Amino acid sequence: MWPNKQSLLLDMFKERVIPNFPVESTATADEAIRRQAKEVVRRLSGFFGKVTAQIIGEGQSDPKVLEEYRERYVRMRRDITIPVIERATRAASSSDASSCTCSST
């Protein structure tokens, strides 16, 4: 079914870790990013951190493993997080624009 143990680990990782990082649309962008960062640290401090270390360790001798890790996990995390960062950027931009006191002389 899986070509190697790394593929099995990556599928398990994707199935069990990715869905547990929801982006809260009700939180401010700053709050959502902070919560996500805390959750990543919490998760990687346990079993999934050990799995990640194993995958990265295997990737040192097999670059295909790291590529799969980037494709299956890192890229998905980025895809989930980018909209939150974009929302924060838009909020900061509109905040800066609304607080600007421009005068024409």
Protein backbone atom coordinates (compact mmCIF):
# COMPACT_ATOMS: atom_id res chain seq x y z
CA MET A 1 0.00 0.00 0.00
CA TRP A 2 2.71 2.50 0.98
CA PRO A 3 6.02 2.38 -0.89
CA ASN A 4 8.03 2.96 2.32
CA LYS A 5 7.64 3.70 6.02
CA GLN A 6 8.15 7.42 5.46
CA SER A 7 5.10 7.56 3.19
CA LEU A 8 3.06 5.82 5.87
CA LEU A 9 4.30 8.25 8.53
CA LEU A 10 3.59 11.24 6.31
CA ASP A 11 0.06 10.06 5.57
CA MET A 12 -0.58 9.52 9.28
CA PHE A 13 0.93 12.91 10.07
CA LYS A 14 -1.22 14.60 7.44
CA GLU A 15 -4.36 12.84 8.66
CA ARG A 16 -3.83 13.46 12.36
CA VAL A 17 -2.01 16.77 12.54
CA ILE A 18 -3.25 19.01 9.72
CA PRO A 19 -6.97 18.90 10.66
CA ASN A 20 -6.09 19.90 14.22
CA PHE A 21 -4.80 23.30 13.18
CA PRO A 22 -8.00 25.16 12.39
CA VAL A 23 -7.84 28.84 11.56
CA GLU A 24 -10.23 30.75 13.74
CA SER A 25 -12.10 33.23 11.60
CA THR A 26 -13.59 34.91 14.67
CA ALA A 27 -10.20 35.74 16.19
CA THR A 28 -8.19 38.69 15.04
CA ALA A 29 -5.40 37.76 12.68
CA ASP A 30 -2.82 38.38 15.41
CA GLU A 31 -4.70 36.14 17.85
CA ALA A 32 -5.14 33.42 15.24
CA ILE A 33 -1.42 33.41 14.40
CA ARG A 34 -0.45 33.32 18.09
CA ARG A 35 -2.83 30.44 18.75
CA GLN A 36 -1.53 28.52 15.75
CA ALA A 37 2.09 29.02 16.83
CA LYS A 38 1.29 27.84 20.37
CA GLU A 39 -0.51 24.79 18.99
CA VAL A 40 2.40 23.91 16.69
CA VAL A 41 4.83 24.12 19.62
CA ARG A 42 2.51 22.06 21.83
CA ARG A 43 2.07 19.35 19.20
CA LEU A 44 5.72 19.19 18.23
CA SER A 45 6.69 18.83 21.89
CA GLY A 46 5.05 15.40 21.97
CA PHE A 47 4.61 12.38 19.76
CA PHE A 48 4.29 14.33 16.52
CA GLY A 49 7.54 16.14 17.27
CA LYS A 50 9.25 12.77 17.47
CA VAL A 51 7.65 11.76 14.18
CA THR A 52 8.83 15.02 12.61
CA ALA A 53 12.37 14.46 13.87
CA GLN A 54 12.29 10.93 12.44
CA ILE A 55 11.09 12.18 9.05
CA ILE A 56 13.73 14.92 8.93
CA GLY A 57 16.39 12.45 10.04
CA GLU A 58 15.42 10.05 7.27
CA GLY A 59 15.49 12.97 4.86
CA GLN A 60 19.17 13.56 5.54
CA SER A 61 19.98 10.35 3.69
CA ASP A 62 17.01 10.44 1.30
CA PRO A 63 16.13 13.88 -0.12
CA LYS A 64 12.86 12.47 -1.50
CA VAL A 65 11.62 12.11 2.07
CA LEU A 66 12.18 15.82 2.75
CA GLU A 67 10.47 16.74 -0.51
CA GLU A 68 7.46 14.62 0.45
CA TYR A 69 7.44 16.23 3.91
CA ARG A 70 7.46 19.69 2.34
CA GLU A 71 4.72 18.75 -0.13
CA ARG A 72 2.45 16.92 2.28
CA TYR A 73 2.89 18.95 5.44
CA VAL A 74 4.81 22.21 5.14
CA ARG A 75 2.98 23.38 2.02
CA MET A 76 -0.40 22.54 3.59
CA ARG A 77 0.49 24.49 6.74
CA ARG A 78 1.48 27.45 4.59
CA ASP A 79 -1.75 27.23 2.61
CA ILE A 80 -3.70 27.31 5.86
CA THR A 81 -1.68 30.16 7.38
CA ILE A 82 -1.19 32.50 4.39
CA PRO A 83 -4.81 33.79 4.41
CA VAL A 84 -4.44 34.66 8.12
CA ILE A 85 -1.24 36.60 7.45
CA GLU A 86 -2.86 38.36 4.48
CA ARG A 87 -5.81 39.30 6.70
CA ALA A 88 -3.41 40.73 9.29
CA THR A 89 -1.60 42.69 6.60
CA ARG A 90 -4.86 44.13 5.26
CA ALA A 91 -5.99 45.03 8.78
CA ALA A 92 -2.67 46.75 9.50
CA SER A 93 -2.80 48.63 6.20
CA SER A 94 -6.33 49.86 6.76
CA SER A 95 -5.46 50.80 10.33
CA ASP A 96 -2.44 52.79 9.15
CA ALA A 97 -4.52 54.50 6.48
CA SER A 98 -7.31 55.43 8.88
CA SER A 99 -4.88 56.86 11.44
CA CYS A 100 -3.01 58.93 8.89
CA THR A 101 -3.50 62.66 9.37
CA CYS A 102 -2.52 64.20 6.11
CA SER A 103 -2.57 67.92 5.60
CA SER A 104 -2.20 69.78 2.40
CA THR A 105 -0.35 73.03 2.44
